[in-house]
C-alpha atoms as a PDB file:
ATOM      1  CA  MET A   1     112.962 281.581 130.784  1.00  0.00           C
ATOM      2  CA  THR A   2     114.291 278.534 128.989  1.00  0.00           C
ATOM      3  CA  ASP A   3     112.816 276.801 125.968  1.00  0.00           C
ATOM      4  CA  LYS A   4     111.884 273.887 128.219  1.00  0.00           C
ATOM      5  CA  ASP A   5     110.007 276.251 130.582  1.00  0.00           C
ATOM      6  CA  LEU A   6     108.088 277.765 127.672  1.00  0.00           C
ATOM      7  CA  PHE A   7     106.741 274.510 126.316  1.00  0.00           C
ATOM      8  CA  GLY A   8     107.013 272.050 129.200  1.00  0.00           C
ATOM      9  CA  GLU A   9     109.018 269.554 127.178  1.00  0.00           C
ATOM     10  CA  ASP A  10     112.361 269.168 125.481  1.00  0.00           C
ATOM     11  CA  VAL A  11     112.100 271.406 122.430  1.00  0.00           C
ATOM     12  CA  GLU A  12     114.656 269.452 120.412  1.00  0.00           C
ATOM     13  CA  GLN A  13     112.405 266.403 120.666  1.00  0.00           C
ATOM     14  CA  ALA A  14     109.185 268.356 120.123  1.00  0.00           C
ATOM     15  CA  PHE A  15     110.189 270.063 116.875  1.00  0.00           C
ATOM     16  CA  ASN A  16     111.438 268.448 113.730  1.00  0.00           C
ATOM     17  CA  ASN A  17     115.086 269.456 113.295  1.00  0.00           C
ATOM     18  CA  GLU A  18     114.704 269.929 109.556  1.00  0.00           C
ATOM     19  CA  ILE A  19     111.905 272.430 110.085  1.00  0.00           C
ATOM     20  CA  ALA A  20     114.020 274.161 112.736  1.00  0.00           C
ATOM     21  CA  CYS A  21     116.918 274.368 110.261  1.00  0.00           C
ATOM     22  CA  THR A  22     114.560 275.894 107.703  1.00  0.00           C
ATOM     23  CA  PHE A  23     113.419 278.525 110.209  1.00  0.00           C
ATOM     24  CA  TYR A  24     117.046 279.294 111.026  1.00  0.00           C
ATOM     25  CA  ALA A  25     117.997 279.615 107.356  1.00  0.00           C
ATOM     26  CA  LEU A  26     115.045 281.901 106.687  1.00  0.00           C
ATOM     27  CA  PHE A  27     115.375 284.178 109.703  1.00  0.00           C
ATOM     28  CA  HIS A  28     119.186 284.185 109.923  1.00  0.00           C
ATOM     29  CA  THR A  29     119.333 286.528 106.930  1.00  0.00           C
ATOM     30  CA  GLU A  30     119.422 290.310 107.304  1.00  0.00           C
ATOM     31  CA  ASN A  31     115.819 290.578 106.090  1.00  0.00           C
ATOM     32  CA  GLY A  32     114.727 287.703 108.312  1.00  0.00           C
ATOM     33  CA  LYS A  33     116.185 289.456 111.361  1.00  0.00           C
ATOM     34  CA  LYS A  34     114.303 292.625 110.396  1.00  0.00           C
ATOM     35  CA  VAL A  35     111.063 290.636 110.191  1.00  0.00           C
ATOM     36  CA  ILE A  36     111.625 289.108 113.634  1.00  0.00           C
ATOM     37  CA  GLU A  37     112.302 292.545 115.128  1.00  0.00           C
ATOM     38  CA  HIS A  38     109.120 293.884 113.522  1.00  0.00           C
ATOM     39  CA  LEU A  39     107.108 290.935 114.859  1.00  0.00           C
ATOM     40  CA  LYS A  40     108.510 291.569 118.351  1.00  0.00           C
ATOM     41  CA  LYS A  41     107.333 295.181 118.198  1.00  0.00           C
ATOM     42  CA  MET A  42     103.880 294.012 117.125  1.00  0.00           C
ATOM     43  CA  THR A  43     103.606 291.303 119.794  1.00  0.00           C
ATOM     44  CA  ILE A  44     105.926 290.767 122.762  1.00  0.00           C
ATOM     45  CA  GLU A  45     106.884 294.421 123.186  1.00  0.00           C
ATOM     46  CA  ARG A  46     103.230 295.527 123.275  1.00  0.00           C
ATOM     47  CA  GLY A  47     101.162 295.309 126.413  1.00  0.00           C
ATOM     48  CA  SER A  48      98.753 292.410 126.742  1.00  0.00           C
ATOM     49  CA  PHE A  49      96.042 294.327 128.567  1.00  0.00           C
ATOM     50  CA  PRO A  50      93.593 295.868 126.079  1.00  0.00           C
ATOM     51  CA  GLN A  51      92.799 299.516 126.779  1.00  0.00           C
ATOM     52  CA  ALA A  52      89.486 299.444 124.903  1.00  0.00           C
ATOM     53  CA  ALA A  53      87.949 296.457 126.706  1.00  0.00           C
ATOM     54  CA  GLN A  54      84.537 297.343 128.122  1.00  0.00           C
ATOM     55  CA  ASP A  55      84.168 294.455 130.544  1.00  0.00           C
ATOM     56  CA  GLY A  56      86.218 291.779 132.264  1.00  0.00           C
ATOM     57  CA  VAL A  57      85.153 288.995 129.904  1.00  0.00           C
ATOM     58  CA  MET A  58      86.148 290.974 126.822  1.00  0.00           C
ATOM     59  CA  ALA A  59      89.439 291.980 128.451  1.00  0.00           C
ATOM     60  CA  ALA A  60      90.208 288.330 129.238  1.00  0.00           C
ATOM     61  CA  MET A  61      89.411 287.264 125.683  1.00  0.00           C
ATOM     62  CA  LEU A  62      91.565 289.988 124.166  1.00  0.00           C
ATOM     63  CA  MET A  63      94.428 289.218 126.548  1.00  0.00           C
ATOM     64  CA  SER A  64      94.232 285.554 125.563  1.00  0.00           C
ATOM     65  CA  VAL A  65      94.489 286.476 121.896  1.00  0.00           C
ATOM     66  CA  ARG A  66      97.490 288.739 122.581  1.00  0.00           C
ATOM     67  CA  GLU A  67      99.254 286.018 124.579  1.00  0.00           C
ATOM     68  CA  GLY A  68      98.605 283.578 121.741  1.00  0.00           C
ATOM     69  CA  GLU A  69     100.325 285.981 119.361  1.00  0.00           C
ATOM     70  CA  ASN A  70     103.239 286.319 121.775  1.00  0.00           C
ATOM     71  CA  ASN A  71     103.527 282.565 122.139  1.00  0.00           C
ATOM     72  CA  LEU A  72     103.656 282.070 118.384  1.00  0.00           C
ATOM     73  CA  LEU A  73     106.640 284.412 118.138  1.00  0.00           C
ATOM     74  CA  ARG A  74     108.309 282.658 121.076  1.00  0.00           C
ATOM     75  CA  GLN A  75     107.879 279.328 119.272  1.00  0.00           C
ATOM     76  CA  ILE A  76     109.434 280.799 116.120  1.00  0.00           C
ATOM     77  CA  GLU A  77     112.394 282.032 118.171  1.00  0.00           C
ATOM     78  CA  VAL A  78     112.814 278.570 119.725  1.00  0.00           C
ATOM     79  CA  LEU A  79     112.800 276.988 116.261  1.00  0.00           C
ATOM     80  CA  ILE A  80     115.443 279.462 115.099  1.00  0.00           C
ATOM     81  CA  ARG A  81     117.692 278.635 118.086  1.00  0.00           C
ATOM     82  CA  THR A  82     117.125 274.912 117.633  1.00  0.00           C
ATOM     83  CA  GLY A  83     117.964 275.178 113.923  1.00  0.00           C
ATOM     84  CA  GLU A  84     121.083 277.191 114.676  1.00  0.00           C
ATOM     85  CA  ARG A  85     122.313 274.516 117.105  1.00  0.00           C
ATOM     86  CA  GLU A  86     121.557 271.785 114.567  1.00  0.00           C
ATOM     87  CA  VAL A  87     123.382 273.622 111.759  1.00  0.00           C
ATOM     88  CA  ASN A  88     126.369 274.301 114.024  1.00  0.00           C
ATOM     89  CA  ASP A  89     126.452 270.671 115.204  1.00  0.00           C
ATOM     90  CA  ARG A  90     126.396 269.422 111.606  1.00  0.00           C
ATOM     91  CA  GLY A  91     129.238 271.792 110.729  1.00  0.00           C
ATOM     92  CA  THR A  92     131.463 270.469 113.494  1.00  0.00           C
ATOM     93  CA  SER A  93     130.788 266.780 112.839  1.00  0.00           C
END
Protein backbone atom coordinates (compact mmCIF):
# COMPACT_ATOMS: atom_id res chain seq x y z
CA MET A 1 0.00 0.00 0.00
CA THR A 2 1.40 3.38 -0.95
CA ASP A 3 1.09 6.63 0.95
CA LYS A 4 -1.23 7.89 -1.78
CA ASP A 5 -3.48 4.82 -1.35
CA LEU A 6 -3.65 5.37 2.40
CA PHE A 7 -4.84 8.95 2.25
CA GLY A 8 -6.29 9.36 -1.24
CA GLU A 9 -4.09 12.34 -2.05
CA ASP A 10 -0.47 13.26 -2.56
CA VAL A 11 1.02 13.12 0.92
CA GLU A 12 3.80 15.59 0.16
CA GLN A 13 1.15 18.20 -0.63
CA ALA A 14 -1.11 17.22 2.27
CA PHE A 15 1.48 17.50 5.04
CA ASN A 16 3.65 20.45 5.85
CA ASN A 17 7.25 19.48 5.04
CA GLU A 18 8.60 21.20 8.13
CA ILE A 19 6.35 19.12 10.36
CA ALA A 20 7.38 16.01 8.43
CA CYS A 21 11.05 16.91 8.98
CA THR A 22 10.34 17.31 12.70
CA PHE A 23 8.72 13.86 12.83
CA TYR A 24 11.72 12.40 11.01
CA ALA A 25 14.20 14.07 13.36
CA LEU A 26 12.28 12.85 16.40
CA PHE A 27 11.68 9.27 15.32
CA HIS A 28 14.96 8.75 13.43
CA THR A 29 16.80 8.45 16.74
CA GLU A 30 17.39 5.11 18.45
CA ASN A 31 14.78 5.93 21.10
CA GLY A 32 12.34 7.19 18.48
CA LYS A 33 12.63 3.90 16.58
CA LYS A 34 11.95 2.01 19.82
CA VAL A 35 8.82 4.10 20.38
CA ILE A 36 7.56 3.40 16.85
CA GLU A 37 8.13 -0.34 17.31
CA HIS A 38 6.24 -0.23 20.62
CA LEU A 39 3.36 1.67 19.01
CA LYS A 40 3.21 -0.93 16.22
CA LYS A 41 2.88 -3.71 18.79
CA MET A 42 0.08 -1.80 20.50
CA THR A 43 -1.80 -1.00 17.28
CA ILE A 44 -1.12 -2.44 13.82
CA GLU A 45 0.20 -5.79 15.03
CA ARG A 46 -2.88 -6.38 17.22
CA GLY A 47 -6.10 -7.73 15.81
CA SER A 48 -8.89 -5.27 15.13
CA PHE A 49 -11.73 -7.58 16.08
CA PRO A 50 -12.55 -7.23 19.79
CA GLN A 51 -12.90 -10.55 21.60
CA ALA A 52 -15.03 -9.12 24.41
CA ALA A 53 -17.70 -7.49 22.23
CA GLN A 54 -21.17 -8.65 23.25
CA ASP A 55 -23.06 -7.57 20.15
CA GLY A 56 -22.47 -6.52 16.56
CA VAL A 57 -22.89 -2.80 17.24
CA MET A 58 -20.33 -2.83 20.04
CA ALA A 59 -17.94 -4.90 17.92
CA ALA A 60 -18.25 -2.40 15.06
CA MET A 61 -17.61 0.53 17.39
CA LEU A 62 -14.57 -1.10 18.94
CA MET A 63 -13.20 -2.08 15.53
CA SER A 64 -13.60 1.52 14.37
CA VAL A 65 -11.63 2.76 17.36
CA ARG A 66 -8.87 0.20 16.71
CA GLU A 67 -8.66 1.16 13.03
CA GLY A 68 -8.44 4.82 14.05
CA GLU A 69 -5.47 3.97 16.24
CA ASN A 70 -3.87 2.06 13.38
CA ASN A 71 -4.44 4.93 10.98
CA LEU A 72 -2.80 7.41 13.34
CA LEU A 73 0.37 5.30 13.40
CA ARG A 74 0.26 4.96 9.61
CA GLN A 75 0.06 8.75 9.32
CA ILE A 76 3.06 9.12 11.64
CA GLU A 77 5.01 6.66 9.49
CA VAL A 78 4.10 8.62 6.35
CA LEU A 79 5.29 11.85 7.98
CA ILE A 80 8.57 10.17 8.92
CA ARG A 81 9.13 8.98 5.33
CA THR A 82 8.16 12.36 3.92
CA GLY A 83 10.54 14.11 6.33
CA GLU A 84 13.34 11.71 5.45
CA ARG A 85 12.90 12.45 1.73
CA GLU A 86 12.84 16.19 2.43
CA VAL A 87 15.99 16.04 4.58
CA ASN A 88 17.78 13.92 1.96
CA ASP A 89 16.69 16.26 -0.85
CA ARG A 90 17.97 19.29 1.07
CA GLY A 91 21.29 17.52 1.67
CA THR A 92 21.83 16.86 -2.02
CA SER A 93 20.85 20.34 -3.22
